[in-house]
Structures are given as structure tokens and as C-alpha cells.
């Protein structure tokens, strides 16, 4: 999907301010049983089509509003993902501005997760 140029510039700026990881890194962490928060920030209708195994859903529209109640520890490890890695990059930057120190955006989002053949949960 092509995005508007202004949006793409914004995302590229934010990506230079955050850390990203790939789906293989996330899967390796899951397989090792590492403790971290894996959050799908897509819209409800997107999650209804399935989400990454081990993830919880908190839509981008309310993530920043609810994150401090959901994860009060600002040093907790958090991996965010969306459809293709754009919205999760923006949200990762926002969480960093809120004081979260260990936030990552999963590059490629659920598309990359699916392409890698990693397990999915059916949507609610």
C-alpha cells in the first residue's frame, strides 16, 4: 500500500529515533520464554483477521492513554507491531516520549510475521 508522502516522512523521522527488531528476533524471544510485552496496535477490524501468537491487542488510538495502567514499569520491555511497521514506529516514539526506555517496533509488522510463517491466533 502506498502512503502519503507527509506520512512517510514522519515515519522515517520517527524510525531514526527508535529501535526496531524483526519478526525472527521476536519469535526467538518467545521461544526462549523471555518476559516482554508483545502488543498489536492495529485497529479492531484488522485484529479480527488474526494476530501474532503471544500478542495482546491494544489499539493505537488508546495505547498512549492506557499504557501507564497496563504497564506501569517504564523499564519494561515492549514490542509493538501494526500492519507494516509504520504505526508501531510512531507509537514507539510516543512511548519513549512518555518515559518508556525499552520499546521496540517490529519492522514489517504482521505482514512480515505472516510471510515468515510464524503462528497466528484467530481474531476475536
Protein backbone atom coordinates (compact mmCIF):
# COMPACT_ATOMS: atom_id res chain seq x y z
CA UNK A 1 0.00 0.00 0.00
CA UNK A 2 1.34 3.42 -0.90
CA UNK A 3 1.19 6.03 1.81
CA UNK A 4 1.04 9.78 1.54
CA UNK A 5 4.46 11.47 1.33
CA UNK A 6 3.97 13.51 4.51
CA UNK A 7 3.12 10.39 6.48
CA UNK A 8 6.12 8.54 5.09
CA UNK A 9 8.45 11.43 6.02
CA UNK A 10 7.03 11.50 9.54
CA UNK A 11 7.52 7.75 9.94
CA UNK A 12 11.08 7.86 8.60
CA UNK A 13 11.90 10.63 11.07
CA UNK A 14 10.45 8.63 13.96
CA UNK A 15 12.22 5.45 12.84
CA UNK A 16 15.53 7.27 13.23
CA UNK A 17 14.59 7.93 16.89
CA UNK A 18 13.53 4.40 17.89
CA UNK A 19 14.79 0.84 17.84
CA UNK A 20 13.31 -1.80 15.57
CA UNK A 21 13.52 -5.57 15.60
CA UNK A 22 12.50 -8.19 13.10
CA UNK A 23 9.89 -10.90 13.49
CA UNK A 24 12.63 -13.53 13.83
CA UNK A 25 14.03 -11.70 16.87
CA UNK A 26 10.58 -11.58 18.45
CA UNK A 27 9.95 -15.26 17.76
CA UNK A 28 13.34 -16.19 19.22
CA UNK A 29 12.47 -14.29 22.40
CA UNK A 30 9.12 -16.08 22.62
CA UNK A 31 10.79 -19.45 22.11
CA UNK A 32 13.34 -18.68 24.84
CA UNK A 33 10.49 -17.76 27.18
CA UNK A 34 11.74 -14.21 27.69
CA UNK A 35 9.42 -11.85 29.52
CA UNK A 36 8.28 -8.89 27.44
CA UNK A 37 5.06 -7.23 26.38
CA UNK A 38 4.11 -8.00 22.76
CA UNK A 39 1.39 -5.58 21.67
CA UNK A 40 -0.66 -5.50 18.48
CA UNK A 41 -1.70 -1.86 17.97
CA UNK A 42 -3.82 -2.38 14.85
CA UNK A 43 -7.48 -1.45 14.57
CA UNK A 44 -10.13 -3.92 15.78
CA UNK A 45 -11.17 -4.88 12.24
CA UNK A 46 -7.55 -5.77 11.40
CA UNK A 47 -7.09 -7.89 14.53
CA UNK A 48 -10.32 -9.73 13.68
CA UNK A 49 -8.39 -11.29 10.78
CA UNK A 50 -5.84 -12.81 13.16
CA UNK A 51 -2.89 -11.66 15.26
CA UNK A 52 0.58 -12.87 16.18
CA UNK A 53 0.63 -15.68 18.70
CA UNK A 54 1.61 -14.37 22.11
CA UNK A 55 0.49 -10.80 21.44
CA UNK A 56 -2.18 -8.80 23.18
CA UNK A 57 -4.25 -6.15 21.45
CA UNK A 58 -4.35 -2.50 22.45
CA UNK A 59 -5.34 -0.29 19.55
CA UNK A 60 -3.11 2.64 18.67
CA UNK A 61 -5.96 5.03 19.35
CA UNK A 62 -5.90 4.19 23.06
CA UNK A 63 -2.39 2.83 23.61
CA UNK A 64 -0.87 6.04 24.94
CA UNK A 65 -3.96 6.72 27.07
CA UNK A 66 -3.89 3.30 28.76
CA UNK A 67 -0.23 2.25 28.73
CA UNK A 68 0.66 3.54 32.20
CA UNK A 69 -2.11 1.48 33.80
CA UNK A 70 -1.37 -1.51 31.60
CA UNK A 71 2.44 -1.38 32.04
CA UNK A 72 3.40 0.89 34.93
CA UNK A 73 7.08 -0.13 34.80
CA UNK A 74 8.77 2.37 32.45
CA UNK A 75 11.72 -0.04 32.08
CA UNK A 76 9.58 -2.97 30.93
CA UNK A 77 10.46 -4.45 27.56
CA UNK A 78 7.75 -3.73 24.99
CA UNK A 79 7.50 -4.79 21.35
CA UNK A 80 4.81 -3.08 19.28
CA UNK A 81 3.57 -4.10 15.87
CA UNK A 82 0.98 -2.98 13.34
CA UNK A 83 0.26 -3.90 9.74
CA UNK A 84 3.58 -2.94 8.21
CA UNK A 85 5.68 -1.22 10.86
CA UNK A 86 4.67 2.39 10.28
CA UNK A 87 2.12 2.97 13.03
CA UNK A 88 4.15 0.94 15.52
CA UNK A 89 7.16 3.19 14.85
CA UNK A 90 5.04 6.25 15.65
CA UNK A 91 3.69 4.64 18.79
CA UNK A 92 7.16 3.53 19.91
CA UNK A 93 8.35 7.13 19.61
CA UNK A 94 5.36 8.31 21.64
CA UNK A 95 6.00 5.76 24.40
CA UNK A 96 9.63 6.82 24.54
CA UNK A 97 8.48 10.43 24.98
CA UNK A 98 6.32 9.18 27.86
CA UNK A 99 9.42 7.76 29.56
CA UNK A 100 9.42 4.12 28.42
CA UNK A 101 13.01 3.05 27.89
CA UNK A 102 12.78 -0.43 26.33
CA UNK A 103 10.34 -0.02 23.43
CA UNK A 104 10.82 -1.67 20.05
CA UNK A 105 8.80 -1.56 16.85
CA UNK A 106 8.59 -4.82 14.89
CA UNK A 107 9.74 -3.96 11.38
CA UNK A 108 7.35 -5.15 8.69
CA UNK A 109 4.52 -5.69 11.16
CA UNK A 110 2.04 -8.53 10.86
CA UNK A 111 2.78 -8.78 7.13
CA UNK A 112 6.37 -9.78 7.85
CA UNK A 113 5.23 -12.10 10.66
CA UNK A 114 2.87 -13.89 8.27
CA UNK A 115 5.49 -14.07 5.50
CA UNK A 116 7.87 -15.73 7.94
CA UNK A 117 5.21 -18.38 8.63
CA UNK A 118 5.03 -17.65 12.36
CA UNK A 119 1.95 -18.75 14.31
CA UNK A 120 -1.22 -16.72 14.34
CA UNK A 121 -4.18 -16.64 16.68
CA UNK A 122 -7.64 -16.29 15.22
CA UNK A 123 -9.21 -12.90 15.72
CA UNK A 124 -11.82 -12.43 18.43
